[in-house]
Amino acid sequence: MAKITFVTSDGEYITVEGDSGSVMALAVENNIKGIDGDCGGVCSCATCHVFLTPEDKERIGGASDIEEDMLELDDNANEFSRLSCQLQISDELDGIVLQVAK
């Protein structure tokens, strides 16, 4: 079971737990403000954009090529950007803090 904390654009910290599936699906199930997942998790809309902390980026790595292509369309993307639909819940994500993009 992984505990994942989302920081919304309002500065609210919301910690949820999951054991499988994508981080995006977990966020949608828990009504995390700012995570819409309009494409259903197929990496084609960027409505699940989050930012990793520098420590977490080092721990879990950066975006895949297809994910980077999608993030290039978002003016707010940076080196810490990830699409939460591409992050699969695992023990490796336990304790991760994700800033929800605006």
PDB file of N, CA and C in Angstrom:
ATOM      1  N   MET A   1       0.847  -1.174   0.000  1.00  0.00           N
ATOM      2  CA  MET A   1       0.000   0.000   0.000  1.00  0.00           C
ATOM      3  C   MET A   1       0.894   1.239   0.000  1.00  0.00           C
ATOM      4  N   ALA A   2       0.652   2.127  -0.925  1.00  0.00           N
ATOM      5  CA  ALA A   2       1.437   3.354  -1.036  1.00  0.00           C
ATOM      6  C   ALA A   2       0.598   4.543  -0.594  1.00  0.00           C
ATOM      7  N   LYS A   3       1.192   5.397   0.219  1.00  0.00           N
ATOM      8  CA  LYS A   3       0.563   6.663   0.599  1.00  0.00           C
ATOM      9  C   LYS A   3       1.107   7.736  -0.323  1.00  0.00           C
ATOM     10  N   ILE A   4       0.198   8.444  -0.984  1.00  0.00           N
ATOM     11  CA  ILE A   4       0.561   9.475  -1.945  1.00  0.00           C
ATOM     12  C   ILE A   4      -0.113  10.769  -1.508  1.00  0.00           C
ATOM     13  N   THR A   5       0.683  11.836  -1.430  1.00  0.00           N
ATOM     14  CA  THR A   5       0.151  13.133  -1.027  1.00  0.00           C
ATOM     15  C   THR A   5       0.077  14.045  -2.240  1.00  0.00           C
ATOM     16  N   PHE A   6      -1.090  14.630  -2.434  1.00  0.00           N
ATOM     17  CA  PHE A   6      -1.310  15.617  -3.487  1.00  0.00           C
ATOM     18  C   PHE A   6      -1.393  16.990  -2.833  1.00  0.00           C
ATOM     19  N   VAL A   7      -0.744  17.965  -3.446  1.00  0.00           N
ATOM     20  CA  VAL A   7      -0.848  19.345  -2.996  1.00  0.00           C
ATOM     21  C   VAL A   7      -1.624  20.083  -4.089  1.00  0.00           C
ATOM     22  N   THR A   8      -2.822  20.544  -3.764  1.00  0.00           N
ATOM     23  CA  THR A   8      -3.670  21.194  -4.757  1.00  0.00           C
ATOM     24  C   THR A   8      -3.225  22.636  -4.976  1.00  0.00           C
ATOM     25  N   SER A   9      -3.780  23.260  -5.994  1.00  0.00           N
ATOM     26  CA  SER A   9      -3.443  24.658  -6.285  1.00  0.00           C
ATOM     27  C   SER A   9      -3.889  25.586  -5.156  1.00  0.00           C
ATOM     28  N   ASP A  10      -4.789  25.121  -4.293  1.00  0.00           N
ATOM     29  CA  ASP A  10      -5.235  25.886  -3.131  1.00  0.00           C
ATOM     30  C   ASP A  10      -4.293  25.698  -1.938  1.00  0.00           C
ATOM     31  N   GLY A  11      -3.269  24.869  -2.106  1.00  0.00           N
ATOM     32  CA  GLY A  11      -2.332  24.609  -1.017  1.00  0.00           C
ATOM     33  C   GLY A  11      -2.793  23.540  -0.049  1.00  0.00           C
ATOM     34  N   GLU A  12      -3.862  22.839  -0.403  1.00  0.00           N
ATOM     35  CA  GLU A  12      -4.379  21.773   0.457  1.00  0.00           C
ATOM     36  C   GLU A  12      -3.564  20.497   0.240  1.00  0.00           C
ATOM     37  N   TYR A  13      -3.181  19.840   1.331  1.00  0.00           N
ATOM     38  CA  TYR A  13      -2.466  18.570   1.284  1.00  0.00           C
ATOM     39  C   TYR A  13      -3.469  17.455   1.517  1.00  0.00           C
ATOM     40  N   ILE A  14      -3.541  16.531   0.574  1.00  0.00           N
ATOM     41  CA  ILE A  14      -4.477  15.415   0.675  1.00  0.00           C
ATOM     42  C   ILE A  14      -3.681  14.128   0.477  1.00  0.00           C
ATOM     43  N   THR A  15      -3.681  13.280   1.482  1.00  0.00           N
ATOM     44  CA  THR A  15      -2.970  12.005   1.403  1.00  0.00           C
ATOM     45  C   THR A  15      -3.978  10.886   1.213  1.00  0.00           C
ATOM     46  N   VAL A  16      -3.729  10.067   0.195  1.00  0.00           N
ATOM     47  CA  VAL A  16      -4.593   8.929  -0.101  1.00  0.00           C
ATOM     48  C   VAL A  16      -3.724   7.680  -0.209  1.00  0.00           C
ATOM     49  N   GLU A  17      -4.347   6.535  -0.138  1.00  0.00           N
ATOM     50  CA  GLU A  17      -3.625   5.265  -0.222  1.00  0.00           C
ATOM     51  C   GLU A  17      -4.148   4.432  -1.378  1.00  0.00           C
ATOM     52  N   GLY A  18      -3.231   3.734  -2.024  1.00  0.00           N
ATOM     53  CA  GLY A  18      -3.605   2.833  -3.096  1.00  0.00           C
ATOM     54  C   GLY A  18      -2.636   1.680  -3.182  1.00  0.00           C
ATOM     55  N   ASP A  19      -3.053   0.598  -3.842  1.00  0.00           N
ATOM     56  CA  ASP A  19      -2.163  -0.545  -3.984  1.00  0.00           C
ATOM     57  C   ASP A  19      -1.992  -1.004  -5.424  1.00  0.00           C
ATOM     58  N   SER A  20      -2.752  -0.422  -6.359  1.00  0.00           N
ATOM     59  CA  SER A  20      -2.583  -0.788  -7.760  1.00  0.00           C
ATOM     60  C   SER A  20      -3.217   0.278  -8.648  1.00  0.00           C
ATOM     61  N   GLY A  21      -2.929   0.200  -9.929  1.00  0.00           N
ATOM     62  CA  GLY A  21      -3.481   1.153 -10.883  1.00  0.00           C
ATOM     63  C   GLY A  21      -2.602   2.381 -11.002  1.00  0.00           C
ATOM     64  N   SER A  22      -3.136   3.372 -11.688  1.00  0.00           N
ATOM     65  CA  SER A  22      -2.363   4.597 -11.899  1.00  0.00           C
ATOM     66  C   SER A  22      -2.635   5.608 -10.790  1.00  0.00           C
ATOM     67  N   VAL A  23      -1.687   6.497 -10.618  1.00  0.00           N
ATOM     68  CA  VAL A  23      -1.848   7.585  -9.664  1.00  0.00           C
ATOM     69  C   VAL A  23      -3.012   8.473 -10.098  1.00  0.00           C
ATOM     70  N   MET A  24      -3.187   8.666 -11.416  1.00  0.00           N
ATOM     71  CA  MET A  24      -4.304   9.460 -11.918  1.00  0.00           C
ATOM     72  C   MET A  24      -5.639   8.860 -11.495  1.00  0.00           C
ATOM     73  N   ALA A  25      -5.795   7.565 -11.664  1.00  0.00           N
ATOM     74  CA  ALA A  25      -7.055   6.909 -11.290  1.00  0.00           C
ATOM     75  C   ALA A  25      -7.313   7.063  -9.790  1.00  0.00           C
ATOM     76  N   LEU A  26      -6.277   6.933  -8.988  1.00  0.00           N
ATOM     77  CA  LEU A  26      -6.413   7.111  -7.544  1.00  0.00           C
ATOM     78  C   LEU A  26      -6.860   8.533  -7.225  1.00  0.00           C
ATOM     79  N   ALA A  27      -6.272   9.511  -7.914  1.00  0.00           N
ATOM     80  CA  ALA A  27      -6.643  10.907  -7.694  1.00  0.00           C
ATOM     81  C   ALA A  27      -8.093  11.169  -8.093  1.00  0.00           C
ATOM     82  N   VAL A  28      -8.501  10.648  -9.239  1.00  0.00           N
ATOM     83  CA  VAL A  28      -9.879  10.843  -9.704  1.00  0.00           C
ATOM     84  C   VAL A  28     -10.860  10.187  -8.725  1.00  0.00           C
ATOM     85  N   GLU A  29     -10.545   8.973  -8.278  1.00  0.00           N
ATOM     86  CA  GLU A  29     -11.408   8.267  -7.324  1.00  0.00           C
ATOM     87  C   GLU A  29     -11.569   9.043  -6.023  1.00  0.00           C
ATOM     88  N   ASN A  30     -10.545   9.823  -5.670  1.00  0.00           N
ATOM     89  CA  ASN A  30     -10.563  10.566  -4.413  1.00  0.00           C
ATOM     90  C   ASN A  30     -10.859  12.048  -4.604  1.00  0.00           C
ATOM     91  N   ASN A  31     -11.346  12.405  -5.804  1.00  0.00           N
ATOM     92  CA  ASN A  31     -11.771  13.776  -6.103  1.00  0.00           C
ATOM     93  C   ASN A  31     -10.696  14.823  -5.819  1.00  0.00           C
ATOM     94  N   ILE A  32      -9.465  14.519  -6.232  1.00  0.00           N
ATOM     95  CA  ILE A  32      -8.377  15.479  -6.057  1.00  0.00           C
ATOM     96  C   ILE A  32      -8.575  16.619  -7.056  1.00  0.00           C
ATOM     97  N   LYS A  33      -8.741  17.826  -6.538  1.00  0.00           N
ATOM     98  CA  LYS A  33      -8.983  19.002  -7.375  1.00  0.00           C
ATOM     99  C   LYS A  33      -7.791  19.239  -8.306  1.00  0.00           C
ATOM    100  N   GLY A  34      -8.096  19.363  -9.608  1.00  0.00           N
ATOM    101  CA  GLY A  34      -7.064  19.644 -10.601  1.00  0.00           C
ATOM    102  C   GLY A  34      -6.593  18.426 -11.370  1.00  0.00           C
ATOM    103  N   ILE A  35      -6.986  17.239 -10.948  1.00  0.00           N
ATOM    104  CA  ILE A  35      -6.670  16.014 -11.681  1.00  0.00           C
ATOM    105  C   ILE A  35      -7.964  15.545 -12.333  1.00  0.00           C
ATOM    106  N   ASP A  36      -8.048  15.719 -13.651  1.00  0.00           N
ATOM    107  CA  ASP A  36      -9.273  15.372 -14.368  1.00  0.00           C
ATOM    108  C   ASP A  36      -9.174  14.036 -15.100  1.00  0.00           C
ATOM    109  N   GLY A  37      -8.050  13.762 -15.719  1.00  0.00           N
ATOM    110  CA  GLY A  37      -7.897  12.503 -16.436  1.00  0.00           C
ATOM    111  C   GLY A  37      -8.876  12.355 -17.578  1.00  0.00           C
ATOM    112  N   ASP A  38      -9.065  13.420 -18.339  1.00  0.00           N
ATOM    113  CA  ASP A  38     -10.060  13.429 -19.417  1.00  0.00           C
ATOM    114  C   ASP A  38      -9.886  12.306 -20.435  1.00  0.00           C
ATOM    115  N   CYS A  39      -8.650  11.899 -20.701  1.00  0.00           N
ATOM    116  CA  CYS A  39      -8.423  10.868 -21.721  1.00  0.00           C
ATOM    117  C   CYS A  39      -8.529   9.452 -21.158  1.00  0.00           C
ATOM    118  N   GLY A  40      -8.760   9.340 -19.860  1.00  0.00           N
ATOM    119  CA  GLY A  40      -8.886   8.020 -19.256  1.00  0.00           C
ATOM    120  C   GLY A  40      -7.567   7.343 -18.967  1.00  0.00           C
ATOM    121  N   GLY A  41      -6.478   8.078 -19.094  1.00  0.00           N
ATOM    122  CA  GLY A  41      -5.177   7.526 -18.729  1.00  0.00           C
ATOM    123  C   GLY A  41      -4.342   7.008 -19.880  1.00  0.00           C
ATOM    124  N   VAL A  42      -4.607   7.472 -21.096  1.00  0.00           N
ATOM    125  CA  VAL A  42      -3.851   6.979 -22.253  1.00  0.00           C
ATOM    126  C   VAL A  42      -2.799   7.980 -22.744  1.00  0.00           C
ATOM    127  N   CYS A  43      -2.431   8.924 -21.883  1.00  0.00           N
ATOM    128  CA  CYS A  43      -1.345   9.857 -22.176  1.00  0.00           C
ATOM    129  C   CYS A  43      -1.641  10.724 -23.402  1.00  0.00           C
ATOM    130  N   SER A  44      -2.862  11.266 -23.452  1.00  0.00           N
ATOM    131  CA  SER A  44      -3.185  12.091 -24.614  1.00  0.00           C
ATOM    132  C   SER A  44      -3.882  13.408 -24.279  1.00  0.00           C
ATOM    133  N   CYS A  45      -3.849  13.842 -23.003  1.00  0.00           N
ATOM    134  CA  CYS A  45      -4.535  15.098 -22.710  1.00  0.00           C
ATOM    135  C   CYS A  45      -3.810  15.999 -21.707  1.00  0.00           C
ATOM    136  N   ALA A  46      -2.980  15.473 -20.862  1.00  0.00           N
ATOM    137  CA  ALA A  46      -2.230  16.222 -19.843  1.00  0.00           C
ATOM    138  C   ALA A  46      -3.112  16.867 -18.776  1.00  0.00           C
ATOM    139  N   THR A  47      -4.344  16.371 -18.580  1.00  0.00           N
ATOM    140  CA  THR A  47      -5.191  16.908 -17.517  1.00  0.00           C
ATOM    141  C   THR A  47      -4.913  16.219 -16.176  1.00  0.00           C
ATOM    142  N   CYS A  48      -3.814  15.507 -16.113  1.00  0.00           N
ATOM    143  CA  CYS A  48      -3.383  14.865 -14.862  1.00  0.00           C
ATOM    144  C   CYS A  48      -1.947  15.262 -14.526  1.00  0.00           C
ATOM    145  N   HIS A  49      -1.552  16.426 -15.015  1.00  0.00           N
ATOM    146  CA  HIS A  49      -0.188  16.945 -14.866  1.00  0.00           C
ATOM    147  C   HIS A  49       0.120  17.220 -13.392  1.00  0.00           C
ATOM    148  N   VAL A  50       1.248  16.695 -12.943  1.00  0.00           N
ATOM    149  CA  VAL A  50       1.736  16.938 -11.586  1.00  0.00           C
ATOM    150  C   VAL A  50       3.226  17.246 -11.644  1.00  0.00           C
ATOM    151  N   PHE A  51       3.724  17.813 -10.555  1.00  0.00           N
ATOM    152  CA  PHE A  51       5.147  18.086 -10.421  1.00  0.00           C
ATOM    153  C   PHE A  51       5.719  17.237  -9.297  1.00  0.00           C
ATOM    154  N   LEU A  52       6.849  16.605  -9.575  1.00  0.00           N
ATOM    155  CA  LEU A  52       7.585  15.851  -8.567  1.00  0.00           C
ATOM    156  C   LEU A  52       8.485  16.792  -7.788  1.00  0.00           C
ATOM    157  N   THR A  53       8.844  16.403  -6.580  1.00  0.00           N
ATOM    158  CA  THR A  53       9.903  17.102  -5.877  1.00  0.00           C
ATOM    159  C   THR A  53      11.226  16.659  -6.513  1.00  0.00           C
ATOM    160  N   PRO A  54      12.289  17.439  -6.377  1.00  0.00           N
ATOM    161  CA  PRO A  54      13.588  17.005  -6.927  1.00  0.00           C
ATOM    162  C   PRO A  54      14.017  15.636  -6.402  1.00  0.00           C
ATOM    163  N   GLU A  55      13.766  15.380  -5.124  1.00  0.00           N
ATOM    164  CA  GLU A  55      14.148  14.088  -4.533  1.00  0.00           C
ATOM    165  C   GLU A  55      13.357  12.940  -5.156  1.00  0.00           C
ATOM    166  N   ASP A  56      12.062  13.157  -5.354  1.00  0.00           N
ATOM    167  CA  ASP A  56      11.236  12.099  -5.932  1.00  0.00           C
ATOM    168  C   ASP A  56      11.560  11.870  -7.402  1.00  0.00           C
ATOM    169  N   LYS A  57      11.918  12.930  -8.120  1.00  0.00           N
ATOM    170  CA  LYS A  57      12.305  12.747  -9.525  1.00  0.00           C
ATOM    171  C   LYS A  57      13.547  11.871  -9.608  1.00  0.00           C
ATOM    172  N   GLU A  58      14.489  12.124  -8.728  1.00  0.00           N
ATOM    173  CA  GLU A  58      15.717  11.327  -8.699  1.00  0.00           C
ATOM    174  C   GLU A  58      15.403   9.872  -8.366  1.00  0.00           C
ATOM    175  N   ARG A  59      14.429   9.671  -7.474  1.00  0.00           N
ATOM    176  CA  ARG A  59      14.077   8.324  -7.023  1.00  0.00           C
ATOM    177  C   ARG A  59      13.301   7.539  -8.077  1.00  0.00           C
ATOM    178  N   ILE A  60      12.309   8.170  -8.743  1.00  0.00           N
ATOM    179  CA  ILE A  60      11.463   7.406  -9.664  1.00  0.00           C
ATOM    180  C   ILE A  60      11.735   7.682 -11.136  1.00  0.00           C
ATOM    181  N   GLY A  61      12.496   8.723 -11.417  1.00  0.00           N
ATOM    182  CA  GLY A  61      12.879   8.987 -12.797  1.00  0.00           C
ATOM    183  C   GLY A  61      11.972   9.964 -13.516  1.00  0.00           C
ATOM    184  N   GLY A  62      12.375  10.293 -14.715  1.00  0.00           N
ATOM    185  CA  GLY A  62      11.660  11.266 -15.527  1.00  0.00           C
ATOM    186  C   GLY A  62      10.645  10.618 -16.448  1.00  0.00           C
ATOM    187  N   ALA A  63      10.072  11.449 -17.266  1.00  0.00           N
ATOM    188  CA  ALA A  63       9.010  11.039 -18.186  1.00  0.00           C
ATOM    189  C   ALA A  63       9.559  10.227 -19.358  1.00  0.00           C
ATOM    190  N   SER A  64       8.708   9.362 -19.902  1.00  0.00           N
ATOM    191  CA  SER A  64       9.042   8.622 -21.120  1.00  0.00           C
ATOM    192  C   SER A  64       8.977   9.582 -22.305  1.00  0.00           C
ATOM    193  N   ASP A  65       9.425   9.140 -23.459  1.00  0.00           N
ATOM    194  CA  ASP A  65       9.398   9.992 -24.656  1.00  0.00           C
ATOM    195  C   ASP A  65       7.980  10.428 -25.014  1.00  0.00           C
ATOM    196  N   ILE A  66       7.026   9.507 -24.990  1.00  0.00           N
ATOM    197  CA  ILE A  66       5.652   9.863 -25.350  1.00  0.00           C
ATOM    198  C   ILE A  66       5.051  10.829 -24.322  1.00  0.00           C
ATOM    199  N   GLU A  67       5.408  10.623 -23.067  1.00  0.00           N
ATOM    200  CA  GLU A  67       4.939  11.524 -22.009  1.00  0.00           C
ATOM    201  C   GLU A  67       5.553  12.915 -22.186  1.00  0.00           C
ATOM    202  N   GLU A  68       6.827  12.963 -22.504  1.00  0.00           N
ATOM    203  CA  GLU A  68       7.492  14.253 -22.759  1.00  0.00           C
ATOM    204  C   GLU A  68       6.841  14.984 -23.931  1.00  0.00           C
ATOM    205  N   ASP A  69       6.484  14.237 -24.980  1.00  0.00           N
ATOM    206  CA  ASP A  69       5.812  14.851 -26.132  1.00  0.00           C
ATOM    207  C   ASP A  69       4.505  15.520 -25.707  1.00  0.00           C
ATOM    208  N   MET A  70       3.738  14.867 -24.862  1.00  0.00           N
ATOM    209  CA  MET A  70       2.476  15.433 -24.392  1.00  0.00           C
ATOM    210  C   MET A  70       2.730  16.636 -23.484  1.00  0.00           C
ATOM    211  N   LEU A  71       3.736  16.550 -22.636  1.00  0.00           N
ATOM    212  CA  LEU A  71       4.032  17.647 -21.723  1.00  0.00           C
ATOM    213  C   LEU A  71       4.532  18.888 -22.455  1.00  0.00           C
ATOM    214  N   GLU A  72       5.137  18.709 -23.621  1.00  0.00           N
ATOM    215  CA  GLU A  72       5.614  19.857 -24.397  1.00  0.00           C
ATOM    216  C   GLU A  72       4.464  20.776 -24.806  1.00  0.00           C
ATOM    217  N   LEU A  73       3.248  20.265 -24.827  1.00  0.00           N
ATOM    218  CA  LEU A  73       2.079  21.057 -25.192  1.00  0.00           C
ATOM    219  C   LEU A  73       1.561  21.891 -24.023  1.00  0.00           C
ATOM    220  N   ASP A  74       2.076  21.650 -22.836  1.00  0.00           N
ATOM    221  CA  ASP A  74       1.639  22.371 -21.633  1.00  0.00           C
ATOM    222  C   ASP A  74       2.650  23.457 -21.301  1.00  0.00           C
ATOM    223  N   ASP A  75       2.205  24.704 -21.311  1.00  0.00           N
ATOM    224  CA  ASP A  75       3.095  25.835 -21.043  1.00  0.00           C
ATOM    225  C   ASP A  75       3.695  25.819 -19.642  1.00  0.00           C
ATOM    226  N   ASN A  76       3.062  25.110 -18.715  1.00  0.00           N
ATOM    227  CA  ASN A  76       3.535  25.078 -17.331  1.00  0.00           C
ATOM    228  C   ASN A  76       4.498  23.929 -17.045  1.00  0.00           C
ATOM    229  N   ALA A  77       4.777  23.092 -18.016  1.00  0.00           N
ATOM    230  CA  ALA A  77       5.639  21.931 -17.792  1.00  0.00           C
ATOM    231  C   ALA A  77       7.074  22.364 -17.542  1.00  0.00           C
ATOM    232  N   ASN A  78       7.752  21.573 -16.721  1.00  0.00           N
ATOM    233  CA  ASN A  78       9.171  21.794 -16.467  1.00  0.00           C
ATOM    234  C   ASN A  78       9.857  20.452 -16.249  1.00  0.00           C
ATOM    235  N   GLU A  79      11.085  20.475 -15.812  1.00  0.00           N
ATOM    236  CA  GLU A  79      11.860  19.244 -15.661  1.00  0.00           C
ATOM    237  C   GLU A  79      11.301  18.288 -14.607  1.00  0.00           C
ATOM    238  N   PHE A  80      10.413  18.789 -13.741  1.00  0.00           N
ATOM    239  CA  PHE A  80       9.825  17.962 -12.690  1.00  0.00           C
ATOM    240  C   PHE A  80       8.411  17.504 -13.030  1.00  0.00           C
ATOM    241  N   SER A  81       7.962  17.785 -14.239  1.00  0.00           N
ATOM    242  CA  SER A  81       6.615  17.426 -14.670  1.00  0.00           C
ATOM    243  C   SER A  81       6.489  15.941 -14.971  1.00  0.00           C
ATOM    244  N   ARG A  82       5.344  15.395 -14.586  1.00  0.00           N
ATOM    245  CA  ARG A  82       4.957  14.041 -14.963  1.00  0.00           C
ATOM    246  C   ARG A  82       3.450  14.035 -15.175  1.00  0.00           C
ATOM    247  N   LEU A  83       2.993  13.080 -15.945  1.00  0.00           N
ATOM    248  CA  LEU A  83       1.561  12.837 -16.080  1.00  0.00           C
ATOM    249  C   LEU A  83       1.233  11.705 -15.114  1.00  0.00           C
ATOM    250  N   SER A  84       0.305  11.959 -14.216  1.00  0.00           N
ATOM    251  CA  SER A  84       0.029  10.959 -13.183  1.00  0.00           C
ATOM    252  C   SER A  84      -0.577   9.682 -13.744  1.00  0.00           C
ATOM    253  N   CYS A  85      -1.104   9.731 -14.975  1.00  0.00           N
ATOM    254  CA  CYS A  85      -1.606   8.502 -15.600  1.00  0.00           C
ATOM    255  C   CYS A  85      -0.468   7.554 -15.950  1.00  0.00           C
ATOM    256  N   GLN A  86       0.740   8.071 -16.019  1.00  0.00           N
ATOM    257  CA  GLN A  86       1.891   7.260 -16.370  1.00  0.00           C
ATOM    258  C   GLN A  86       2.665   6.770 -15.144  1.00  0.00           C
ATOM    259  N   LEU A  87       2.208   7.142 -13.971  1.00  0.00           N
ATOM    260  CA  LEU A  87       2.809   6.683 -12.720  1.00  0.00           C
ATOM    261  C   LEU A  87       1.960   5.558 -12.153  1.00  0.00           C
ATOM    262  N   GLN A  88       2.531   4.375 -12.087  1.00  0.00           N
ATOM    263  CA  GLN A  88       1.812   3.225 -11.555  1.00  0.00           C
ATOM    264  C   GLN A  88       2.075   3.096 -10.058  1.00  0.00           C
ATOM    265  N   ILE A  89       1.013   2.881  -9.303  1.00  0.00           N
ATOM    266  CA  ILE A  89       1.133   2.767  -7.856  1.00  0.00           C
ATOM    267  C   ILE A  89       1.949   1.534  -7.509  1.00  0.00           C
ATOM    268  N   SER A  90       2.942   1.751  -6.666  1.00  0.00           N
ATOM    269  CA  SER A  90       3.803   0.669  -6.182  1.00  0.00           C
ATOM    270  C   SER A  90       4.404   1.113  -4.857  1.00  0.00           C
ATOM    271  N   ASP A  91       5.073   0.190  -4.200  1.00  0.00           N
ATOM    272  CA  ASP A  91       5.744   0.535  -2.946  1.00  0.00           C
ATOM    273  C   ASP A  91       6.781   1.633  -3.166  1.00  0.00           C
ATOM    274  N   GLU A  92       7.342   1.701  -4.367  1.00  0.00           N
ATOM    275  CA  GLU A  92       8.342   2.722  -4.691  1.00  0.00           C
ATOM    276  C   GLU A  92       7.766   4.140  -4.566  1.00  0.00           C
ATOM    277  N   LEU A  93       6.454   4.288  -4.763  1.00  0.00           N
ATOM    278  CA  LEU A  93       5.817   5.601  -4.683  1.00  0.00           C
ATOM    279  C   LEU A  93       5.361   5.962  -3.270  1.00  0.00           C
ATOM    280  N   ASP A  94       5.522   5.050  -2.324  1.00  0.00           N
ATOM    281  CA  ASP A  94       5.081   5.320  -0.961  1.00  0.00           C
ATOM    282  C   ASP A  94       5.762   6.573  -0.424  1.00  0.00           C
ATOM    283  N   GLY A  95       4.960   7.528   0.019  1.00  0.00           N
ATOM    284  CA  GLY A  95       5.481   8.761   0.595  1.00  0.00           C
ATOM    285  C   GLY A  95       5.701   9.891  -0.399  1.00  0.00           C
ATOM    286  N   ILE A  96       5.427   9.660  -1.669  1.00  0.00           N
ATOM    287  CA  ILE A  96       5.641  10.674  -2.695  1.00  0.00           C
ATOM    288  C   ILE A  96       4.696  11.861  -2.481  1.00  0.00           C
ATOM    289  N   VAL A  97       5.203  13.050  -2.798  1.00  0.00           N
ATOM    290  CA  VAL A  97       4.394  14.275  -2.719  1.00  0.00           C
ATOM    291  C   VAL A  97       4.322  14.854  -4.131  1.00  0.00           C
ATOM    292  N   LEU A  98       3.095  15.056  -4.618  1.00  0.00           N
ATOM    293  CA  LEU A  98       2.867  15.543  -5.971  1.00  0.00           C
ATOM    294  C   LEU A  98       2.126  16.863  -5.931  1.00  0.00           C
ATOM    295  N   GLN A  99       2.718  17.883  -6.535  1.00  0.00           N
ATOM    296  CA  GLN A  99       2.057  19.183  -6.671  1.00  0.00           C
ATOM    297  C   GLN A  99       1.191  19.123  -7.915  1.00  0.00           C
ATOM    298  N   VAL A 100      -0.105  19.363  -7.763  1.00  0.00           N
ATOM    299  CA  VAL A 100      -1.022  19.352  -8.900  1.00  0.00           C
ATOM    300  C   VAL A 100      -0.786  20.623  -9.713  1.00  0.00           C
ATOM    301  N   ALA A 101      -0.591  20.467 -11.016  1.00  0.00           N
ATOM    302  CA  ALA A 101      -0.368  21.614 -11.893  1.00  0.00           C
ATOM    303  C   ALA A 101      -1.656  22.397 -12.073  1.00  0.00           C
ATOM    304  N   LYS A 102      -1.512  23.688 -12.347  1.00  0.00           N
ATOM    305  CA  LYS A 102      -2.695  24.528 -12.578  1.00  0.00           C
ATOM    306  C   LYS A 102      -3.175  24.358 -13.988  1.00  0.00           C
TER     307      LYS A 102
END
